[in-house]
C-alpha cells in the first residue's frame, strides 16, 4: 500500500511523472501519458500482451473500480515489487512502454 506522494517520489528517477484525480484515486502519468492508476493505496500499471503474464503469474488481478467495471489493461503491482525501488522502476518502465505502444496503435 502506498500514497500518491510517496509513489511520485519513488518514480521520480523516470523524469516527469505526475498525477491527476482519476476514478476516485489518481492517474499516474509520464510525459502526459497515463501508465498507472493509484486507487485505495494500491498501484495498477498498464499492461499489454507482453507484460500481462508477469502479473497473472504472480496472482495479481485487473483494476476494478467497482463491481460492475473492470479495466483489464491495468493490473495490480505485486507487493514485493512495490517494496523494491529498482523493481518498481523496472515495472513502471514496462508500463510506460505498454502505454506508448497502445497510444501509437497497431501499424503506426
PDB file of N, CA and C in Angstrom:
ATOM      1  N   UNK A   1       0.847  -1.182   0.000  1.00  0.00           N
ATOM      2  CA  UNK A   1       0.000   0.000   0.000  1.00  0.00           C
ATOM      3  C   UNK A   1       0.892   1.244   0.000  1.00  0.00           C
ATOM      4  N   UNK A   2       0.463   2.216  -0.790  1.00  0.00           N
ATOM      5  CA  UNK A   2       1.312   3.389  -0.978  1.00  0.00           C
ATOM      6  C   UNK A   2       0.433   4.609  -1.261  1.00  0.00           C
ATOM      7  N   UNK A   3       0.888   5.768  -0.810  1.00  0.00           N
ATOM      8  CA  UNK A   3       0.195   7.022  -1.095  1.00  0.00           C
ATOM      9  C   UNK A   3       0.762   7.681  -2.336  1.00  0.00           C
ATOM     10  N   UNK A   4       0.020   8.651  -2.876  1.00  0.00           N
ATOM     11  CA  UNK A   4       0.414   9.278  -4.130  1.00  0.00           C
ATOM     12  C   UNK A   4       1.747  10.027  -4.008  1.00  0.00           C
ATOM     13  N   UNK A   5       1.963  10.745  -2.921  1.00  0.00           N
ATOM     14  CA  UNK A   5       3.214  11.499  -2.776  1.00  0.00           C
ATOM     15  C   UNK A   5       4.428  10.569  -2.708  1.00  0.00           C
ATOM     16  N   UNK A   6       4.301   9.485  -1.948  1.00  0.00           N
ATOM     17  CA  UNK A   6       5.403   8.524  -1.845  1.00  0.00           C
ATOM     18  C   UNK A   6       5.657   7.849  -3.199  1.00  0.00           C
ATOM     19  N   UNK A   7       4.575   7.515  -3.910  1.00  0.00           N
ATOM     20  CA  UNK A   7       4.730   6.895  -5.225  1.00  0.00           C
ATOM     21  C   UNK A   7       5.450   7.820  -6.199  1.00  0.00           C
ATOM     22  N   UNK A   8       5.029   9.073  -6.243  1.00  0.00           N
ATOM     23  CA  UNK A   8       5.679  10.020  -7.157  1.00  0.00           C
ATOM     24  C   UNK A   8       7.159  10.185  -6.822  1.00  0.00           C
ATOM     25  N   UNK A   9       7.475  10.167  -5.540  1.00  0.00           N
ATOM     26  CA  UNK A   9       8.879  10.268  -5.135  1.00  0.00           C
ATOM     27  C   UNK A   9       9.666   9.048  -5.603  1.00  0.00           C
ATOM     28  N   UNK A  10       9.092   7.854  -5.447  1.00  0.00           N
ATOM     29  CA  UNK A  10       9.785   6.628  -5.870  1.00  0.00           C
ATOM     30  C   UNK A  10       9.965   6.570  -7.383  1.00  0.00           C
ATOM     31  N   UNK A  11       9.024   7.159  -8.117  1.00  0.00           N
ATOM     32  CA  UNK A  11       9.094   7.127  -9.577  1.00  0.00           C
ATOM     33  C   UNK A  11       9.856   8.313 -10.164  1.00  0.00           C
ATOM     34  N   UNK A  12      10.324   9.224  -9.329  1.00  0.00           N
ATOM     35  CA  UNK A  12      10.995  10.432  -9.812  1.00  0.00           C
ATOM     36  C   UNK A  12      12.207  10.165 -10.707  1.00  0.00           C
ATOM     37  N   UNK A  13      12.948   9.044 -10.536  1.00  0.00           N
ATOM     38  CA  UNK A  13      14.050   8.803 -11.470  1.00  0.00           C
ATOM     39  C   UNK A  13      13.607   8.647 -12.937  1.00  0.00           C
ATOM     40  N   UNK A  14      12.325   8.415 -13.167  1.00  0.00           N
ATOM     41  CA  UNK A  14      11.825   8.268 -14.539  1.00  0.00           C
ATOM     42  C   UNK A  14      11.647   9.611 -15.239  1.00  0.00           C
ATOM     43  N   UNK A  15      11.733  10.702 -14.484  1.00  0.00           N
ATOM     44  CA  UNK A  15      11.552  12.025 -15.085  1.00  0.00           C
ATOM     45  C   UNK A  15      10.220  12.628 -14.708  1.00  0.00           C
ATOM     46  N   UNK A  16       9.535  13.180 -15.681  1.00  0.00           N
ATOM     47  CA  UNK A  16       8.310  13.957 -15.455  1.00  0.00           C
ATOM     48  C   UNK A  16       7.107  13.068 -15.156  1.00  0.00           C
ATOM     49  N   UNK A  17       7.051  12.508 -13.952  1.00  0.00           N
ATOM     50  CA  UNK A  17       5.911  11.696 -13.522  1.00  0.00           C
ATOM     51  C   UNK A  17       4.991  12.584 -12.703  1.00  0.00           C
ATOM     52  N   UNK A  18       3.713  12.615 -13.082  1.00  0.00           N
ATOM     53  CA  UNK A  18       2.722  13.450 -12.407  1.00  0.00           C
ATOM     54  C   UNK A  18       1.486  12.615 -12.094  1.00  0.00           C
ATOM     55  N   UNK A  19       0.554  13.216 -11.367  1.00  0.00           N
ATOM     56  CA  UNK A  19      -0.705  12.529 -11.063  1.00  0.00           C
ATOM     57  C   UNK A  19      -1.869  13.495 -11.216  1.00  0.00           C
ATOM     58  N   UNK A  20      -3.025  12.912 -11.517  1.00  0.00           N
ATOM     59  CA  UNK A  20      -4.290  13.650 -11.568  1.00  0.00           C
ATOM     60  C   UNK A  20      -5.380  12.766 -10.989  1.00  0.00           C
ATOM     61  N   UNK A  21      -6.401  13.391 -10.413  1.00  0.00           N
ATOM     62  CA  UNK A  21      -7.528  12.629  -9.867  1.00  0.00           C
ATOM     63  C   UNK A  21      -8.138  11.775 -10.967  1.00  0.00           C
ATOM     64  N   UNK A  22      -8.508  10.526 -10.610  1.00  0.00           N
ATOM     65  CA  UNK A  22      -8.968   9.565 -11.607  1.00  0.00           C
ATOM     66  C   UNK A  22      -9.681   8.420 -10.891  1.00  0.00           C
ATOM     67  N   UNK A  23     -10.931   8.138 -11.232  1.00  0.00           N
ATOM     68  CA  UNK A  23     -11.694   7.022 -10.658  1.00  0.00           C
ATOM     69  C   UNK A  23     -11.668   7.022  -9.122  1.00  0.00           C
ATOM     70  N   UNK A  24     -11.734   8.184  -8.513  1.00  0.00           N
ATOM     71  CA  UNK A  24     -11.682   8.252  -7.054  1.00  0.00           C
ATOM     72  C   UNK A  24     -10.286   8.022  -6.503  1.00  0.00           C
ATOM     73  N   UNK A  25      -9.305   7.940  -7.374  1.00  0.00           N
ATOM     74  CA  UNK A  25      -7.908   7.775  -6.984  1.00  0.00           C
ATOM     75  C   UNK A  25      -7.080   8.752  -7.790  1.00  0.00           C
ATOM     76  N   UNK A  26      -5.976   8.266  -8.327  1.00  0.00           N
ATOM     77  CA  UNK A  26      -5.091   9.114  -9.127  1.00  0.00           C
ATOM     78  C   UNK A  26      -4.598   8.363 -10.363  1.00  0.00           C
ATOM     79  N   UNK A  27      -4.630   9.035 -11.496  1.00  0.00           N
ATOM     80  CA  UNK A  27      -3.954   8.542 -12.680  1.00  0.00           C
ATOM     81  C   UNK A  27      -2.496   8.942 -12.566  1.00  0.00           C
ATOM     82  N   UNK A  28      -1.598   8.045 -12.956  1.00  0.00           N
ATOM     83  CA  UNK A  28      -0.159   8.310 -12.902  1.00  0.00           C
ATOM     84  C   UNK A  28       0.325   8.456 -14.342  1.00  0.00           C
ATOM     85  N   UNK A  29       0.969   9.589 -14.617  1.00  0.00           N
ATOM     86  CA  UNK A  29       1.345   9.957 -15.982  1.00  0.00           C
ATOM     87  C   UNK A  29       2.843  10.141 -16.108  1.00  0.00           C
ATOM     88  N   UNK A  30       3.358   9.791 -17.274  1.00  0.00           N
ATOM     89  CA  UNK A  30       4.735  10.088 -17.650  1.00  0.00           C
ATOM     90  C   UNK A  30       4.673  10.877 -18.954  1.00  0.00           C
ATOM     91  N   UNK A  31       5.183  12.082 -18.924  1.00  0.00           N
ATOM     92  CA  UNK A  31       5.176  12.941 -20.107  1.00  0.00           C
ATOM     93  C   UNK A  31       3.770  13.054 -20.703  1.00  0.00           C
ATOM     94  N   UNK A  32       2.760  13.171 -19.825  1.00  0.00           N
ATOM     95  CA  UNK A  32       1.376  13.335 -20.250  1.00  0.00           C
ATOM     96  C   UNK A  32       0.662  12.059 -20.647  1.00  0.00           C
ATOM     97  N   UNK A  33       1.333  10.907 -20.599  1.00  0.00           N
ATOM     98  CA  UNK A  33       0.775   9.619 -20.995  1.00  0.00           C
ATOM     99  C   UNK A  33       0.450   8.806 -19.748  1.00  0.00           C
ATOM    100  N   UNK A  34      -0.814   8.417 -19.585  1.00  0.00           N
ATOM    101  CA  UNK A  34      -1.177   7.629 -18.402  1.00  0.00           C
ATOM    102  C   UNK A  34      -0.586   6.220 -18.515  1.00  0.00           C
ATOM    103  N   UNK A  35       0.046   5.777 -17.415  1.00  0.00           N
ATOM    104  CA  UNK A  35       0.612   4.429 -17.389  1.00  0.00           C
ATOM    105  C   UNK A  35       0.290   3.709 -16.084  1.00  0.00           C
ATOM    106  N   UNK A  36      -0.396   4.393 -15.173  1.00  0.00           N
ATOM    107  CA  UNK A  36      -0.731   3.762 -13.907  1.00  0.00           C
ATOM    108  C   UNK A  36      -1.946   4.397 -13.264  1.00  0.00           C
ATOM    109  N   UNK A  37      -2.522   3.653 -12.323  1.00  0.00           N
ATOM    110  CA  UNK A  37      -3.659   4.127 -11.535  1.00  0.00           C
ATOM    111  C   UNK A  37      -3.372   3.778 -10.082  1.00  0.00           C
ATOM    112  N   UNK A  38      -3.477   4.754  -9.215  1.00  0.00           N
ATOM    113  CA  UNK A  38      -3.353   4.534  -7.779  1.00  0.00           C
ATOM    114  C   UNK A  38      -4.748   4.649  -7.198  1.00  0.00           C
ATOM    115  N   UNK A  39      -5.249   3.562  -6.626  1.00  0.00           N
ATOM    116  CA  UNK A  39      -6.618   3.531  -6.103  1.00  0.00           C
ATOM    117  C   UNK A  39      -6.611   2.751  -4.795  1.00  0.00           C
ATOM    118  N   UNK A  40      -7.153   3.333  -3.739  1.00  0.00           N
ATOM    119  CA  UNK A  40      -7.166   2.699  -2.419  1.00  0.00           C
ATOM    120  C   UNK A  40      -5.768   2.237  -2.006  1.00  0.00           C
ATOM    121  N   UNK A  41      -4.774   3.083  -2.258  1.00  0.00           N
ATOM    122  CA  UNK A  41      -3.378   2.836  -1.902  1.00  0.00           C
ATOM    123  C   UNK A  41      -2.794   1.601  -2.584  1.00  0.00           C
ATOM    124  N   UNK A  42      -3.406   1.177  -3.676  1.00  0.00           N
ATOM    125  CA  UNK A  42      -2.891   0.068  -4.488  1.00  0.00           C
ATOM    126  C   UNK A  42      -2.524   0.622  -5.855  1.00  0.00           C
ATOM    127  N   UNK A  43      -1.396   0.169  -6.381  1.00  0.00           N
ATOM    128  CA  UNK A  43      -0.923   0.639  -7.673  1.00  0.00           C
ATOM    129  C   UNK A  43      -1.246  -0.384  -8.755  1.00  0.00           C
ATOM    130  N   UNK A  44      -1.812   0.117  -9.838  1.00  0.00           N
ATOM    131  CA  UNK A  44      -2.120  -0.689 -11.019  1.00  0.00           C
ATOM    132  C   UNK A  44      -1.355  -0.081 -12.182  1.00  0.00           C
ATOM    133  N   UNK A  45      -0.653  -0.921 -12.937  1.00  0.00           N
ATOM    134  CA  UNK A  45       0.118  -0.428 -14.065  1.00  0.00           C
ATOM    135  C   UNK A  45      -0.451  -0.949 -15.377  1.00  0.00           C
ATOM    136  N   UNK A  46      -0.214  -0.187 -16.428  1.00  0.00           N
ATOM    137  CA  UNK A  46      -0.667  -0.532 -17.772  1.00  0.00           C
ATOM    138  C   UNK A  46       0.016  -1.830 -18.220  1.00  0.00           C
ATOM    139  N   UNK A  47      -0.769  -2.737 -18.802  1.00  0.00           N
ATOM    140  CA  UNK A  47      -0.233  -3.990 -19.318  1.00  0.00           C
ATOM    141  C   UNK A  47      -0.629  -4.157 -20.778  1.00  0.00           C
ATOM    142  N   UNK A  48       0.076  -5.040 -21.445  1.00  0.00           N
ATOM    143  CA  UNK A  48      -0.287  -5.452 -22.797  1.00  0.00           C
ATOM    144  C   UNK A  48      -0.033  -6.955 -22.874  1.00  0.00           C
ATOM    145  N   UNK A  49      -0.131  -7.524 -24.054  1.00  0.00           N
ATOM    146  CA  UNK A  49       0.051  -8.974 -24.209  1.00  0.00           C
ATOM    147  C   UNK A  49       1.423  -9.433 -23.733  1.00  0.00           C
ATOM    148  N   UNK A  50       2.405  -8.572 -23.869  1.00  0.00           N
ATOM    149  CA  UNK A  50       3.770  -8.918 -23.473  1.00  0.00           C
ATOM    150  C   UNK A  50       3.958  -8.905 -21.954  1.00  0.00           C
ATOM    151  N   UNK A  51       3.368  -7.941 -21.266  1.00  0.00           N
ATOM    152  CA  UNK A  51       3.629  -7.788 -19.830  1.00  0.00           C
ATOM    153  C   UNK A  51       2.575  -8.420 -18.917  1.00  0.00           C
ATOM    154  N   UNK A  52       1.355  -8.589 -19.396  1.00  0.00           N
ATOM    155  CA  UNK A  52       0.283  -9.126 -18.546  1.00  0.00           C
ATOM    156  C   UNK A  52       0.626 -10.465 -17.895  1.00  0.00           C
ATOM    157  N   UNK A  53       1.271 -11.408 -18.613  1.00  0.00           N
ATOM    158  CA  UNK A  53       1.577 -12.696 -17.980  1.00  0.00           C
ATOM    159  C   UNK A  53       2.412 -12.590 -16.700  1.00  0.00           C
ATOM    160  N   UNK A  54       3.270 -11.576 -16.588  1.00  0.00           N
ATOM    161  CA  UNK A  54       4.063 -11.400 -15.362  1.00  0.00           C
ATOM    162  C   UNK A  54       3.169 -11.135 -14.158  1.00  0.00           C
ATOM    163  N   UNK A  55       2.112 -10.374 -14.361  1.00  0.00           N
ATOM    164  CA  UNK A  55       1.170 -10.060 -13.282  1.00  0.00           C
ATOM    165  C   UNK A  55       0.332 -11.290 -12.927  1.00  0.00           C
ATOM    166  N   UNK A  56      -0.193 -11.947 -13.960  1.00  0.00           N
ATOM    167  CA  UNK A  56      -1.047 -13.116 -13.752  1.00  0.00           C
ATOM    168  C   UNK A  56      -0.269 -14.228 -13.051  1.00  0.00           C
ATOM    169  N   UNK A  57       0.983 -14.432 -13.455  1.00  0.00           N
ATOM    170  CA  UNK A  57       1.817 -15.478 -12.844  1.00  0.00           C
ATOM    171  C   UNK A  57       2.030 -15.231 -11.355  1.00  0.00           C
ATOM    172  N   UNK A  58       1.925 -13.972 -10.942  1.00  0.00           N
ATOM    173  CA  UNK A  58       2.112 -13.636  -9.523  1.00  0.00           C
ATOM    174  C   UNK A  58       0.784 -13.486  -8.802  1.00  0.00           C
ATOM    175  N   UNK A  59      -0.299 -13.882  -9.461  1.00  0.00           N
ATOM    176  CA  UNK A  59      -1.612 -13.889  -8.825  1.00  0.00           C
ATOM    177  C   UNK A  59      -2.280 -12.530  -8.733  1.00  0.00           C
ATOM    178  N   UNK A  60      -1.825 -11.576  -9.523  1.00  0.00           N
ATOM    179  CA  UNK A  60      -2.396 -10.233  -9.458  1.00  0.00           C
ATOM    180  C   UNK A  60      -3.528 -10.096 -10.478  1.00  0.00           C
ATOM    181  N   UNK A  61      -4.515  -9.273 -10.123  1.00  0.00           N
ATOM    182  CA  UNK A  61      -5.683  -9.110 -10.972  1.00  0.00           C
ATOM    183  C   UNK A  61      -5.811  -7.719 -11.551  1.00  0.00           C
ATOM    184  N   UNK A  62      -6.799  -7.549 -12.433  1.00  0.00           N
ATOM    185  CA  UNK A  62      -7.018  -6.258 -13.079  1.00  0.00           C
ATOM    186  C   UNK A  62      -7.676  -5.246 -12.143  1.00  0.00           C
ATOM    187  N   UNK A  63      -7.619  -4.002 -12.556  1.00  0.00           N
ATOM    188  CA  UNK A  63      -8.217  -2.894 -11.809  1.00  0.00           C
ATOM    189  C   UNK A  63      -9.736  -2.973 -11.898  1.00  0.00           C
ATOM    190  N   UNK A  64     -10.392  -2.961 -10.724  1.00  0.00           N
ATOM    191  CA  UNK A  64     -11.855  -2.978 -10.647  1.00  0.00           C
ATOM    192  C   UNK A  64     -12.302  -1.833  -9.740  1.00  0.00           C
ATOM    193  N   UNK A  65     -12.613  -0.669 -10.337  1.00  0.00           N
ATOM    194  CA  UNK A  65     -13.027   0.461  -9.509  1.00  0.00           C
ATOM    195  C   UNK A  65     -14.353   0.226  -8.790  1.00  0.00           C
ATOM    196  N   UNK A  66     -15.192  -0.677  -9.332  1.00  0.00           N
ATOM    197  CA  UNK A  66     -16.435  -1.075  -8.670  1.00  0.00           C
ATOM    198  C   UNK A  66     -16.819  -2.458  -9.193  1.00  0.00           C
ATOM    199  N   UNK A  67     -17.905  -3.014  -8.655  1.00  0.00           N
ATOM    200  CA  UNK A  67     -18.292  -4.381  -9.004  1.00  0.00           C
ATOM    201  C   UNK A  67     -18.690  -4.543 -10.465  1.00  0.00           C
ATOM    202  N   UNK A  68     -19.123  -3.458 -11.108  1.00  0.00           N
ATOM    203  CA  UNK A  68     -19.614  -3.546 -12.481  1.00  0.00           C
ATOM    204  C   UNK A  68     -18.551  -3.224 -13.527  1.00  0.00           C
ATOM    205  N   UNK A  69     -17.410  -2.758 -13.108  1.00  0.00           N
ATOM    206  CA  UNK A  69     -16.424  -2.281 -14.066  1.00  0.00           C
ATOM    207  C   UNK A  69     -15.050  -2.901 -13.797  1.00  0.00           C
ATOM    208  N   UNK A  70     -14.421  -3.388 -14.858  1.00  0.00           N
ATOM    209  CA  UNK A  70     -13.067  -3.930 -14.778  1.00  0.00           C
ATOM    210  C   UNK A  70     -12.263  -3.372 -15.938  1.00  0.00           C
ATOM    211  N   UNK A  71     -11.086  -2.829 -15.633  1.00  0.00           N
ATOM    212  CA  UNK A  71     -10.173  -2.353 -16.674  1.00  0.00           C
ATOM    213  C   UNK A  71      -9.064  -3.390 -16.810  1.00  0.00           C
ATOM    214  N   UNK A  72      -9.170  -4.227 -17.815  1.00  0.00           N
ATOM    215  CA  UNK A  72      -8.228  -5.327 -17.989  1.00  0.00           C
ATOM    216  C   UNK A  72      -6.874  -4.890 -18.524  1.00  0.00           C
ATOM    217  N   UNK A  73      -6.726  -3.613 -18.838  1.00  0.00           N
ATOM    218  CA  UNK A  73      -5.432  -3.135 -19.328  1.00  0.00           C
ATOM    219  C   UNK A  73      -4.561  -2.566 -18.197  1.00  0.00           C
ATOM    220  N   UNK A  74      -5.057  -2.641 -16.951  1.00  0.00           N
ATOM    221  CA  UNK A  74      -4.277  -2.221 -15.775  1.00  0.00           C
ATOM    222  C   UNK A  74      -4.349  -3.326 -14.736  1.00  0.00           C
ATOM    223  N   UNK A  75      -3.182  -3.775 -14.277  1.00  0.00           N
ATOM    224  CA  UNK A  75      -3.118  -4.841 -13.281  1.00  0.00           C
ATOM    225  C   UNK A  75      -2.402  -4.350 -12.036  1.00  0.00           C
ATOM    226  N   UNK A  76      -2.794  -4.926 -10.893  1.00  0.00           N
ATOM    227  CA  UNK A  76      -2.186  -4.537  -9.625  1.00  0.00           C
ATOM    228  C   UNK A  76      -0.730  -4.988  -9.548  1.00  0.00           C
ATOM    229  N   UNK A  77       0.103  -4.111  -9.034  1.00  0.00           N
ATOM    230  CA  UNK A  77       1.524  -4.401  -8.858  1.00  0.00           C
ATOM    231  C   UNK A  77       1.700  -5.292  -7.627  1.00  0.00           C
ATOM    232  N   UNK A  78       2.471  -6.373  -7.733  1.00  0.00           N
ATOM    233  CA  UNK A  78       2.713  -7.237  -6.580  1.00  0.00           C
ATOM    234  C   UNK A  78       3.371  -6.460  -5.433  1.00  0.00           C
ATOM    235  N   UNK A  79       3.000  -6.782  -4.193  1.00  0.00           N
ATOM    236  CA  UNK A  79       3.566  -6.066  -3.036  1.00  0.00           C
ATOM    237  C   UNK A  79       5.088  -6.077  -2.978  1.00  0.00           C
ATOM    238  N   UNK A  80       5.726  -7.197  -3.340  1.00  0.00           N
ATOM    239  CA  UNK A  80       7.188  -7.242  -3.267  1.00  0.00           C
ATOM    240  C   UNK A  80       7.829  -6.299  -4.289  1.00  0.00           C
ATOM    241  N   UNK A  81       7.171  -6.086  -5.434  1.00  0.00           N
ATOM    242  CA  UNK A  81       7.676  -5.141  -6.434  1.00  0.00           C
ATOM    243  C   UNK A  81       7.520  -3.719  -5.916  1.00  0.00           C
ATOM    244  N   UNK A  82       6.381  -3.454  -5.291  1.00  0.00           N
ATOM    245  CA  UNK A  82       6.112  -2.124  -4.746  1.00  0.00           C
ATOM    246  C   UNK A  82       7.133  -1.757  -3.665  1.00  0.00           C
ATOM    247  N   UNK A  83       7.613  -2.759  -2.931  1.00  0.00           N
ATOM    248  CA  UNK A  83       8.569  -2.529  -1.842  1.00  0.00           C
ATOM    249  C   UNK A  83      10.018  -2.454  -2.304  1.00  0.00           C
ATOM    250  N   UNK A  84      10.287  -2.803  -3.562  1.00  0.00           N
ATOM    251  CA  UNK A  84      11.647  -2.828  -4.091  1.00  0.00           C
ATOM    252  C   UNK A  84      11.817  -1.679  -5.085  1.00  0.00           C
ATOM    253  N   UNK A  85      12.549  -0.619  -4.715  1.00  0.00           N
ATOM    254  CA  UNK A  85      12.662   0.559  -5.584  1.00  0.00           C
ATOM    255  C   UNK A  85      13.121   0.255  -7.005  1.00  0.00           C
ATOM    256  N   UNK A  86      14.115  -0.608  -7.164  1.00  0.00           N
ATOM    257  CA  UNK A  86      14.613  -0.929  -8.505  1.00  0.00           C
ATOM    258  C   UNK A  86      13.582  -1.711  -9.307  1.00  0.00           C
ATOM    259  N   UNK A  87      12.942  -2.673  -8.672  1.00  0.00           N
ATOM    260  CA  UNK A  87      11.910  -3.465  -9.360  1.00  0.00           C
ATOM    261  C   UNK A  87      10.740  -2.574  -9.758  1.00  0.00           C
ATOM    262  N   UNK A  88      10.337  -1.676  -8.869  1.00  0.00           N
ATOM    263  CA  UNK A  88       9.227  -0.776  -9.172  1.00  0.00           C
ATOM    264  C   UNK A  88       9.533   0.071 -10.405  1.00  0.00           C
ATOM    265  N   UNK A  89      10.737   0.606 -10.478  1.00  0.00           N
ATOM    266  CA  UNK A  89      11.125   1.406 -11.646  1.00  0.00           C
ATOM    267  C   UNK A  89      11.103   0.560 -12.916  1.00  0.00           C
ATOM    268  N   UNK A  90      11.565  -0.661 -12.832  1.00  0.00           N
ATOM    269  CA  UNK A  90      11.581  -1.548 -13.992  1.00  0.00           C
ATOM    270  C   UNK A  90      10.159  -1.851 -14.468  1.00  0.00           C
ATOM    271  N   UNK A  91       9.267  -2.165 -13.534  1.00  0.00           N
ATOM    272  CA  UNK A  91       7.885  -2.460 -13.905  1.00  0.00           C
ATOM    273  C   UNK A  91       7.200  -1.205 -14.436  1.00  0.00           C
ATOM    274  N   UNK A  92       7.508  -0.048 -13.870  1.00  0.00           N
ATOM    275  CA  UNK A  92       6.932   1.210 -14.362  1.00  0.00           C
ATOM    276  C   UNK A  92       7.421   1.510 -15.774  1.00  0.00           C
ATOM    277  N   UNK A  93       8.693   1.259 -16.035  1.00  0.00           N
ATOM    278  CA  UNK A  93       9.218   1.464 -17.395  1.00  0.00           C
ATOM    279  C   UNK A  93       8.499   0.563 -18.388  1.00  0.00           C
ATOM    280  N   UNK A  94       8.226  -0.670 -17.988  1.00  0.00           N
ATOM    281  CA  UNK A  94       7.498  -1.602 -18.856  1.00  0.00           C
ATOM    282  C   UNK A  94       6.065  -1.109 -19.088  1.00  0.00           C
ATOM    283  N   UNK A  95       5.450  -0.538 -18.056  1.00  0.00           N
ATOM    284  CA  UNK A  95       4.095   0.011 -18.196  1.00  0.00           C
ATOM    285  C   UNK A  95       4.091   1.217 -19.131  1.00  0.00           C
ATOM    286  N   UNK A  96       5.114   2.035 -19.056  1.00  0.00           N
ATOM    287  CA  UNK A  96       5.233   3.179 -19.968  1.00  0.00           C
ATOM    288  C   UNK A  96       5.383   2.681 -21.406  1.00  0.00           C
ATOM    289  N   UNK A  97       6.195   1.640 -21.600  1.00  0.00           N
ATOM    290  CA  UNK A  97       6.345   1.053 -22.928  1.00  0.00           C
ATOM    291  C   UNK A  97       4.995   0.553 -23.455  1.00  0.00           C
ATOM    292  N   UNK A  98       4.244  -0.139 -22.597  1.00  0.00           N
ATOM    293  CA  UNK A  98       2.930  -0.654 -22.999  1.00  0.00           C
ATOM    294  C   UNK A  98       1.974   0.489 -23.326  1.00  0.00           C
ATOM    295  N   UNK A  99       2.015   1.547 -22.527  1.00  0.00           N
ATOM    296  CA  UNK A  99       1.147   2.709 -22.775  1.00  0.00           C
ATOM    297  C   UNK A  99       1.523   3.397 -24.084  1.00  0.00           C
ATOM    298  N   UNK A 100       2.809   3.503 -24.356  1.00  0.00           N
ATOM    299  CA  UNK A 100       3.253   4.115 -25.616  1.00  0.00           C
ATOM    300  C   UNK A 100       2.817   3.268 -26.811  1.00  0.00           C
ATOM    301  N   UNK A 101       2.942   1.960 -26.695  1.00  0.00           N
ATOM    302  CA  UNK A 101       2.542   1.063 -27.792  1.00  0.00           C
ATOM    303  C   UNK A 101       1.050   1.177 -28.048  1.00  0.00           C
ATOM    304  N   UNK A 102       0.269   1.272 -26.990  1.00  0.00           N
ATOM    305  CA  UNK A 102      -1.183   1.397 -27.131  1.00  0.00           C
ATOM    306  C   UNK A 102      -1.546   2.741 -27.745  1.00  0.00           C
ATOM    307  N   UNK A 103      -0.851   3.794 -27.325  1.00  0.00           N
ATOM    308  CA  UNK A 103      -1.139   5.149 -27.846  1.00  0.00           C
ATOM    309  C   UNK A 103      -0.808   5.236 -29.334  1.00  0.00           C
ATOM    310  N   UNK A 104       0.223   4.519 -29.740  1.00  0.00           N
ATOM    311  CA  UNK A 104       0.618   4.537 -31.151  1.00  0.00           C
ATOM    312  C   UNK A 104      -0.332   3.721 -32.000  1.00  0.00           C
ATOM    313  N   UNK A 105      -0.920   2.687 -31.410  1.00  0.00           N
ATOM    314  CA  UNK A 105      -1.855   1.838 -32.140  1.00  0.00           C
ATOM    315  C   UNK A 105      -1.149   0.900 -33.093  1.00  0.00           C
ATOM    316  N   UNK A 106      -1.874  -0.138 -33.541  1.00  0.00           N
ATOM    317  CA  UNK A 106      -1.267  -1.096 -34.452  1.00  0.00           C
ATOM    318  C   UNK A 106      -0.945  -0.485 -35.800  1.00  0.00           C
ATOM    319  N   UNK A 107       0.183  -0.863 -36.355  1.00  0.00           N
ATOM    320  CA  UNK A 107       0.554  -0.436 -37.685  1.00  0.00           C
ATOM    321  C   UNK A 107       1.076   0.977 -37.797  1.00  0.00           C
ATOM    322  N   UNK A 108       1.337   1.624 -36.651  1.00  0.00           N
ATOM    323  CA  UNK A 108       1.846   3.016 -36.707  1.00  0.00           C
ATOM    324  C   UNK A 108       3.289   3.083 -36.336  1.00  0.00           C
TER     325      UNK A 108
END
